[in-house]
C-alpha cells in the first residue's frame, strides 16, 4: 500500500460525510465507493483498506483484499470474513447484491 492510499484511507476514516457507518455489537464499520466506482473503502474499527470493485456491475475482486492500512497482512481466513462483512454492509448501504469476481 503506497503513501497516497494510506493518506486517503486516513482521511476517509475521519468521519467524512458520505461514508456509510455501521455498528455491529462493539465493532464499528465504514464503507464508501470511491474512484469513479472502481475502489471501495472499508473500515473495521480503527483499521481500513481499499479494494477493487465495479460499482456499475456490483462486483468485488477479493484478490485485492491484501493488507490493512496499519501494515497488517490479511490471511485467507480473515479475507473470507472481511469479504462476508463487505457483502453484507454493501447491500445495506447501496441496495445491491455484491458478487465476487472470479477469473
C-alpha atoms as a PDB file:
ATOM      1  CA  UNK A   1       0.000   0.000   0.000  1.00  0.00           C
ATOM      2  CA  UNK A   2       1.508   3.305  -1.027  1.00  0.00           C
ATOM      3  CA  UNK A   3       1.515   6.570   0.941  1.00  0.00           C
ATOM      4  CA  UNK A   4      -1.213   8.089  -1.215  1.00  0.00           C
ATOM      5  CA  UNK A   5      -3.562   5.187  -0.443  1.00  0.00           C
ATOM      6  CA  UNK A   6      -2.699   5.384   3.264  1.00  0.00           C
ATOM      7  CA  UNK A   7      -3.445   9.120   3.294  1.00  0.00           C
ATOM      8  CA  UNK A   8      -6.749   8.549   1.503  1.00  0.00           C
ATOM      9  CA  UNK A   9      -7.773   5.861   3.996  1.00  0.00           C
ATOM     10  CA  UNK A  10      -6.794   8.087   6.931  1.00  0.00           C
ATOM     11  CA  UNK A  11      -8.976  10.875   5.562  1.00  0.00           C
ATOM     12  CA  UNK A  12     -11.943   8.554   4.987  1.00  0.00           C
ATOM     13  CA  UNK A  13     -11.676   7.105   8.495  1.00  0.00           C
ATOM     14  CA  UNK A  14     -12.056  10.614   9.943  1.00  0.00           C
ATOM     15  CA  UNK A  15     -15.879  10.740   9.731  1.00  0.00           C
ATOM     16  CA  UNK A  16     -16.053  12.175   6.230  1.00  0.00           C
ATOM     17  CA  UNK A  17     -19.609  12.948   5.072  1.00  0.00           C
ATOM     18  CA  UNK A  18     -20.878  10.270   2.739  1.00  0.00           C
ATOM     19  CA  UNK A  19     -19.115   7.339   4.397  1.00  0.00           C
ATOM     20  CA  UNK A  20     -21.750   4.797   5.393  1.00  0.00           C
ATOM     21  CA  UNK A  21     -21.303   3.922   9.077  1.00  0.00           C
ATOM     22  CA  UNK A  22     -22.476   0.729  10.775  1.00  0.00           C
ATOM     23  CA  UNK A  23     -22.253  -0.767  14.248  1.00  0.00           C
ATOM     24  CA  UNK A  24     -22.381  -4.495  14.943  1.00  0.00           C
ATOM     25  CA  UNK A  25     -22.092  -5.215  18.645  1.00  0.00           C
ATOM     26  CA  UNK A  26     -18.937  -3.424  19.755  1.00  0.00           C
ATOM     27  CA  UNK A  27     -17.469  -3.280  16.226  1.00  0.00           C
ATOM     28  CA  UNK A  28     -17.750  -0.195  14.040  1.00  0.00           C
ATOM     29  CA  UNK A  29     -17.589  -0.271  10.239  1.00  0.00           C
ATOM     30  CA  UNK A  30     -17.384   2.258   7.425  1.00  0.00           C
ATOM     31  CA  UNK A  31     -17.820   1.906   3.676  1.00  0.00           C
ATOM     32  CA  UNK A  32     -17.683   4.181   0.640  1.00  0.00           C
ATOM     33  CA  UNK A  33     -17.399   3.659  -3.110  1.00  0.00           C
ATOM     34  CA  UNK A  34     -14.628   5.893  -4.485  1.00  0.00           C
ATOM     35  CA  UNK A  35     -12.540   6.414  -7.646  1.00  0.00           C
ATOM     36  CA  UNK A  36     -15.462   6.524 -10.065  1.00  0.00           C
ATOM     37  CA  UNK A  37     -16.828   3.261  -8.715  1.00  0.00           C
ATOM     38  CA  UNK A  38     -13.592   1.308  -9.115  1.00  0.00           C
ATOM     39  CA  UNK A  39     -12.476   1.215  -5.467  1.00  0.00           C
ATOM     40  CA  UNK A  40     -14.193   0.508  -2.198  1.00  0.00           C
ATOM     41  CA  UNK A  41     -13.090   1.919   1.125  1.00  0.00           C
ATOM     42  CA  UNK A  42     -13.824  -0.451   4.012  1.00  0.00           C
ATOM     43  CA  UNK A  43     -13.151   0.240   7.678  1.00  0.00           C
ATOM     44  CA  UNK A  44     -13.321  -2.156  10.608  1.00  0.00           C
ATOM     45  CA  UNK A  45     -12.852  -0.352  13.922  1.00  0.00           C
ATOM     46  CA  UNK A  46      -9.514   1.502  13.583  1.00  0.00           C
ATOM     47  CA  UNK A  47      -8.263  -0.429  10.504  1.00  0.00           C
ATOM     48  CA  UNK A  48      -9.052   0.429   6.896  1.00  0.00           C
ATOM     49  CA  UNK A  49      -8.403  -0.896   3.414  1.00  0.00           C
ATOM     50  CA  UNK A  50      -9.104  -0.224  -0.243  1.00  0.00           C
ATOM     51  CA  UNK A  51     -10.137  -2.978  -2.646  1.00  0.00           C
ATOM     52  CA  UNK A  52     -11.165  -3.109  -6.285  1.00  0.00           C
ATOM     53  CA  UNK A  53     -14.818  -3.238  -7.216  1.00  0.00           C
ATOM     54  CA  UNK A  54     -17.054  -2.438 -10.134  1.00  0.00           C
ATOM     55  CA  UNK A  55     -19.930  -0.434  -8.733  1.00  0.00           C
ATOM     56  CA  UNK A  56     -21.575  -0.498 -12.148  1.00  0.00           C
ATOM     57  CA  UNK A  57     -21.757  -4.295 -12.186  1.00  0.00           C
ATOM     58  CA  UNK A  58     -21.770  -4.829  -8.386  1.00  0.00           C
ATOM     59  CA  UNK A  59     -18.614  -6.954  -8.489  1.00  0.00           C
ATOM     60  CA  UNK A  60     -15.755  -7.195  -5.990  1.00  0.00           C
ATOM     61  CA  UNK A  61     -12.283  -8.608  -6.647  1.00  0.00           C
ATOM     62  CA  UNK A  62     -11.287 -10.496  -3.466  1.00  0.00           C
ATOM     63  CA  UNK A  63      -7.658 -10.773  -4.646  1.00  0.00           C
ATOM     64  CA  UNK A  64      -7.266  -7.058  -3.896  1.00  0.00           C
ATOM     65  CA  UNK A  65      -8.068  -7.526  -0.190  1.00  0.00           C
ATOM     66  CA  UNK A  66      -4.454  -7.888   0.938  1.00  0.00           C
ATOM     67  CA  UNK A  67      -3.452  -5.520   3.701  1.00  0.00           C
ATOM     68  CA  UNK A  68      -4.825  -3.141   6.318  1.00  0.00           C
ATOM     69  CA  UNK A  69      -3.641   0.470   6.353  1.00  0.00           C
ATOM     70  CA  UNK A  70      -1.629  -0.244   9.525  1.00  0.00           C
ATOM     71  CA  UNK A  71       0.541  -2.687   7.550  1.00  0.00           C
ATOM     72  CA  UNK A  72      -1.010  -5.912   8.863  1.00  0.00           C
ATOM     73  CA  UNK A  73      -1.289  -8.563   6.162  1.00  0.00           C
ATOM     74  CA  UNK A  74      -4.679 -10.204   5.704  1.00  0.00           C
ATOM     75  CA  UNK A  75      -4.755 -14.013   5.842  1.00  0.00           C
ATOM     76  CA  UNK A  76      -7.027 -16.077   3.590  1.00  0.00           C
ATOM     77  CA  UNK A  77      -9.272 -16.869   6.565  1.00  0.00           C
ATOM     78  CA  UNK A  78      -9.525 -13.207   7.538  1.00  0.00           C
ATOM     79  CA  UNK A  79     -10.123 -12.265   3.892  1.00  0.00           C
ATOM     80  CA  UNK A  80     -13.180 -14.529   3.789  1.00  0.00           C
ATOM     81  CA  UNK A  81     -14.550 -12.876   6.950  1.00  0.00           C
ATOM     82  CA  UNK A  82     -13.889  -9.369   5.578  1.00  0.00           C
ATOM     83  CA  UNK A  83     -15.486 -10.264   2.252  1.00  0.00           C
ATOM     84  CA  UNK A  84     -18.628 -11.508   4.016  1.00  0.00           C
ATOM     85  CA  UNK A  85     -18.848  -8.261   6.008  1.00  0.00           C
ATOM     86  CA  UNK A  86     -18.318  -6.128   2.888  1.00  0.00           C
ATOM     87  CA  UNK A  87     -21.056  -8.015   1.005  1.00  0.00           C
ATOM     88  CA  UNK A  88     -23.433  -7.663   3.982  1.00  0.00           C
ATOM     89  CA  UNK A  89     -22.872  -3.942   4.515  1.00  0.00           C
ATOM     90  CA  UNK A  90     -22.772  -3.162   0.770  1.00  0.00           C
ATOM     91  CA  UNK A  91     -26.339  -4.497   0.465  1.00  0.00           C
ATOM     92  CA  UNK A  92     -27.470  -2.214   3.295  1.00  0.00           C
ATOM     93  CA  UNK A  93     -25.590   0.855   2.022  1.00  0.00           C
ATOM     94  CA  UNK A  94     -26.131   0.578  -1.725  1.00  0.00           C
ATOM     95  CA  UNK A  95     -29.213  -1.686  -2.011  1.00  0.00           C
ATOM     96  CA  UNK A  96     -27.401  -4.034  -4.435  1.00  0.00           C
ATOM     97  CA  UNK A  97     -26.060  -7.545  -4.040  1.00  0.00           C
ATOM     98  CA  UNK A  98     -22.282  -7.521  -4.404  1.00  0.00           C
ATOM     99  CA  UNK A  99     -20.986 -10.504  -6.388  1.00  0.00           C
ATOM    100  CA  UNK A 100     -17.496 -11.955  -6.036  1.00  0.00           C
ATOM    101  CA  UNK A 101     -15.494 -11.646  -9.238  1.00  0.00           C
ATOM    102  CA  UNK A 102     -13.993 -14.986 -10.267  1.00  0.00           C
ATOM    103  CA  UNK A 103     -11.433 -15.340 -13.015  1.00  0.00           C
END
